[in-house]
């Protein structure tokens, strides 16, 4: 329960069908009971293997590998 006497429903959403259904349920329940919904999500950056050919011994160039920058989706 919140400090104001209301309640909150926490819904974790990862883009899957079950998580979307859970979010729909949470919103419906909060509307019926005058509560609040808090939605959380998380993601993990996939591993990046760009530029690793320099360490495998297959690259013949003497250039140094470039740094790879990542941006958030």
N, C-alpha and C. Protein backbone atom coordinates (compact mmCIF):
# COMPACT_ATOMS: atom_id res chain seq x y z
N UNK A 1 0.84 -1.18 0.00
CA UNK A 1 0.00 0.00 0.00
C UNK A 1 0.88 1.24 0.00
N UNK A 2 0.42 2.25 -0.64
CA UNK A 2 1.14 3.50 -0.64
C UNK A 2 0.87 4.27 0.64
N UNK A 3 1.58 5.34 0.87
CA UNK A 3 1.42 6.14 2.06
C UNK A 3 0.09 6.88 2.10
N UNK A 4 -0.58 7.00 0.97
CA UNK A 4 -1.84 7.73 0.90
C UNK A 4 -3.06 6.82 1.04
N UNK A 5 -2.87 5.55 1.43
CA UNK A 5 -3.98 4.63 1.59
C UNK A 5 -4.33 3.88 0.32
N UNK A 6 -3.77 4.29 -0.82
CA UNK A 6 -4.00 3.58 -2.07
C UNK A 6 -3.06 2.40 -2.18
N UNK A 7 -3.11 1.74 -3.30
CA UNK A 7 -2.21 0.61 -3.49
C UNK A 7 -1.56 0.71 -4.86
N UNK A 8 -0.48 0.00 -5.00
CA UNK A 8 0.24 -0.04 -6.26
C UNK A 8 0.39 -1.48 -6.71
N UNK A 9 0.34 -1.67 -8.02
CA UNK A 9 0.62 -2.97 -8.61
C UNK A 9 1.89 -2.80 -9.42
N UNK A 10 2.84 -3.69 -9.20
CA UNK A 10 4.09 -3.67 -9.93
C UNK A 10 4.01 -4.72 -11.03
N UNK A 11 4.25 -4.31 -12.27
CA UNK A 11 4.21 -5.25 -13.40
C UNK A 11 5.54 -5.20 -14.13
N UNK A 12 6.16 -6.36 -14.28
CA UNK A 12 7.40 -6.46 -15.05
C UNK A 12 7.07 -6.82 -16.49
N UNK A 13 7.58 -6.05 -17.43
CA UNK A 13 7.26 -6.26 -18.84
C UNK A 13 8.55 -6.50 -19.61
N UNK A 14 8.59 -7.62 -20.33
CA UNK A 14 9.77 -7.93 -21.14
C UNK A 14 9.45 -8.07 -22.62
N UNK A 15 8.24 -7.71 -23.01
CA UNK A 15 7.84 -7.79 -24.41
C UNK A 15 7.16 -9.10 -24.77
N UNK A 16 7.17 -10.07 -23.88
CA UNK A 16 6.53 -11.35 -24.17
C UNK A 16 5.02 -11.23 -24.04
N UNK A 17 4.32 -12.19 -24.64
CA UNK A 17 2.86 -12.19 -24.56
C UNK A 17 2.38 -12.30 -23.11
N UNK A 18 2.94 -13.22 -22.30
CA UNK A 18 2.47 -13.28 -20.91
C UNK A 18 2.69 -11.98 -20.13
N UNK A 19 3.79 -11.30 -20.38
CA UNK A 19 4.02 -10.05 -19.65
C UNK A 19 3.07 -8.95 -20.10
N UNK A 20 2.71 -8.96 -21.36
CA UNK A 20 1.72 -7.98 -21.84
C UNK A 20 0.35 -8.25 -21.24
N UNK A 21 0.00 -9.53 -21.14
CA UNK A 21 -1.27 -9.88 -20.50
C UNK A 21 -1.27 -9.49 -19.02
N UNK A 22 -0.15 -9.68 -18.36
CA UNK A 22 -0.04 -9.28 -16.95
C UNK A 22 -0.20 -7.76 -16.81
N UNK A 23 0.37 -7.01 -17.74
CA UNK A 23 0.23 -5.55 -17.70
C UNK A 23 -1.23 -5.15 -17.92
N UNK A 24 -1.91 -5.79 -18.87
CA UNK A 24 -3.32 -5.49 -19.09
C UNK A 24 -4.14 -5.77 -17.83
N UNK A 25 -3.86 -6.91 -17.17
CA UNK A 25 -4.56 -7.24 -15.94
C UNK A 25 -4.29 -6.17 -14.88
N UNK A 26 -3.03 -5.77 -14.73
CA UNK A 26 -2.66 -4.78 -13.71
C UNK A 26 -3.39 -3.45 -13.94
N UNK A 27 -3.45 -3.02 -15.18
CA UNK A 27 -4.12 -1.75 -15.49
C UNK A 27 -5.62 -1.86 -15.20
N UNK A 28 -6.23 -2.96 -15.61
CA UNK A 28 -7.66 -3.16 -15.35
C UNK A 28 -7.95 -3.19 -13.86
N UNK A 29 -7.14 -3.94 -13.11
CA UNK A 29 -7.33 -4.04 -11.66
C UNK A 29 -7.15 -2.69 -10.98
N UNK A 30 -6.15 -1.94 -11.40
CA UNK A 30 -5.91 -0.62 -10.80
C UNK A 30 -7.06 0.34 -11.09
N UNK A 31 -7.61 0.26 -12.29
CA UNK A 31 -8.76 1.12 -12.62
C UNK A 31 -9.98 0.76 -11.77
N UNK A 32 -10.23 -0.53 -11.62
CA UNK A 32 -11.40 -0.98 -10.85
C UNK A 32 -11.29 -0.60 -9.38
N UNK A 33 -10.07 -0.63 -8.83
CA UNK A 33 -9.88 -0.42 -7.39
C UNK A 33 -9.22 0.92 -7.07
N UNK A 34 -9.08 1.78 -8.08
CA UNK A 34 -8.49 3.11 -7.91
C UNK A 34 -7.06 3.04 -7.37
N UNK A 35 -6.28 2.18 -7.96
CA UNK A 35 -4.88 2.04 -7.57
C UNK A 35 -3.95 2.61 -8.63
N UNK A 36 -2.68 2.34 -8.46
CA UNK A 36 -1.65 2.80 -9.40
C UNK A 36 -0.89 1.59 -9.93
N UNK A 37 -0.36 1.76 -11.14
CA UNK A 37 0.47 0.71 -11.75
C UNK A 37 1.86 1.26 -11.93
N UNK A 38 2.83 0.49 -11.53
CA UNK A 38 4.23 0.82 -11.78
C UNK A 38 4.78 -0.28 -12.69
N UNK A 39 5.33 0.11 -13.82
CA UNK A 39 5.84 -0.85 -14.81
C UNK A 39 7.36 -0.77 -14.84
N UNK A 40 7.99 -1.93 -14.80
CA UNK A 40 9.44 -1.99 -14.88
C UNK A 40 9.85 -2.91 -16.02
N UNK A 41 10.99 -2.63 -16.58
CA UNK A 41 11.56 -3.46 -17.63
C UNK A 41 13.07 -3.43 -17.50
N UNK A 42 13.70 -4.40 -18.06
CA UNK A 42 15.17 -4.46 -18.06
C UNK A 42 15.61 -5.17 -19.32
N UNK A 43 16.82 -4.90 -19.72
CA UNK A 43 17.37 -5.59 -20.88
C UNK A 43 18.86 -5.74 -20.68
N UNK A 44 19.42 -6.61 -21.48
CA UNK A 44 20.85 -6.86 -21.41
C UNK A 44 21.42 -6.64 -22.80
N UNK A 45 22.53 -5.90 -22.87
CA UNK A 45 23.18 -5.70 -24.16
C UNK A 45 23.73 -7.04 -24.64
N UNK A 46 23.51 -7.38 -25.90
CA UNK A 46 24.09 -8.63 -26.39
C UNK A 46 25.61 -8.50 -26.50
N UNK A 47 26.33 -9.61 -26.36
CA UNK A 47 27.78 -9.54 -26.49
C UNK A 47 28.16 -9.13 -27.92
N UNK A 48 29.21 -8.36 -28.04
CA UNK A 48 29.67 -7.87 -29.35
C UNK A 48 30.99 -8.53 -29.68
N UNK A 49 31.07 -9.15 -30.85
CA UNK A 49 32.29 -9.81 -31.27
C UNK A 49 32.95 -9.11 -32.45
N UNK A 50 32.59 -7.86 -32.70
CA UNK A 50 33.17 -7.11 -33.80
C UNK A 50 34.61 -6.78 -33.48
N UNK A 51 35.49 -7.01 -34.40
CA UNK A 51 36.90 -6.68 -34.22
C UNK A 51 37.71 -7.78 -33.59
N UNK A 52 37.09 -8.90 -33.26
CA UNK A 52 37.82 -9.98 -32.61
C UNK A 52 38.71 -10.75 -33.58
N UNK A 53 38.53 -10.55 -34.89
CA UNK A 53 39.36 -11.26 -35.85
C UNK A 53 40.84 -10.90 -35.71
N UNK A 54 41.14 -9.77 -35.10
CA UNK A 54 42.53 -9.36 -34.92
C UNK A 54 43.26 -10.29 -33.95
N UNK A 55 42.54 -10.91 -33.05
CA UNK A 55 43.17 -11.80 -32.07
C UNK A 55 43.13 -13.27 -32.48
N UNK A 56 42.43 -13.57 -33.58
CA UNK A 56 42.32 -14.97 -33.99
C UNK A 56 43.48 -15.40 -34.88
N UNK A 57 44.33 -14.47 -35.33
CA UNK A 57 45.46 -14.82 -36.17
C UNK A 57 45.12 -14.88 -37.64
N UNK A 58 43.88 -14.59 -38.03
CA UNK A 58 43.49 -14.67 -39.43
C UNK A 58 43.64 -13.34 -40.15
N UNK A 59 43.88 -12.30 -39.43
CA UNK A 59 43.99 -10.98 -40.02
C UNK A 59 45.44 -10.71 -40.38
N UNK A 60 45.68 -10.24 -41.60
CA UNK A 60 47.06 -10.00 -42.04
C UNK A 60 47.45 -8.53 -41.96
N UNK A 61 46.49 -7.66 -41.79
CA UNK A 61 46.79 -6.23 -41.72
C UNK A 61 47.45 -5.90 -40.38
N UNK A 62 48.30 -4.88 -40.39
CA UNK A 62 48.95 -4.46 -39.15
C UNK A 62 48.16 -3.35 -38.45
N UNK A 63 46.99 -3.01 -39.00
CA UNK A 63 46.19 -1.96 -38.36
C UNK A 63 45.66 -2.46 -37.03
N UNK A 64 45.52 -1.52 -36.11
CA UNK A 64 44.94 -1.86 -34.80
C UNK A 64 43.43 -1.90 -34.93
N UNK A 65 42.76 -2.76 -34.19
CA UNK A 65 41.29 -2.79 -34.25
C UNK A 65 40.69 -1.51 -33.69
N UNK A 66 39.56 -1.10 -34.28
CA UNK A 66 38.86 0.10 -33.84
C UNK A 66 37.99 -0.22 -32.63
N UNK A 67 37.75 0.77 -31.81
CA UNK A 67 36.84 0.61 -30.67
C UNK A 67 35.42 0.56 -31.20
N UNK A 68 34.60 -0.22 -30.59
CA UNK A 68 33.19 -0.35 -30.98
C UNK A 68 32.36 0.42 -29.98
N UNK A 69 31.52 1.33 -30.46
CA UNK A 69 30.66 2.08 -29.55
C UNK A 69 29.29 1.44 -29.55
N UNK A 70 28.64 1.47 -28.40
CA UNK A 70 27.30 0.92 -28.27
C UNK A 70 26.34 2.06 -27.95
N UNK A 71 25.16 1.97 -28.50
CA UNK A 71 24.11 2.93 -28.16
C UNK A 71 22.93 2.18 -27.60
N UNK A 72 22.19 2.83 -26.75
CA UNK A 72 21.00 2.19 -26.18
C UNK A 72 19.91 2.14 -27.21
N UNK A 73 19.11 1.04 -27.17
CA UNK A 73 18.01 0.92 -28.15
C UNK A 73 16.94 1.95 -27.92
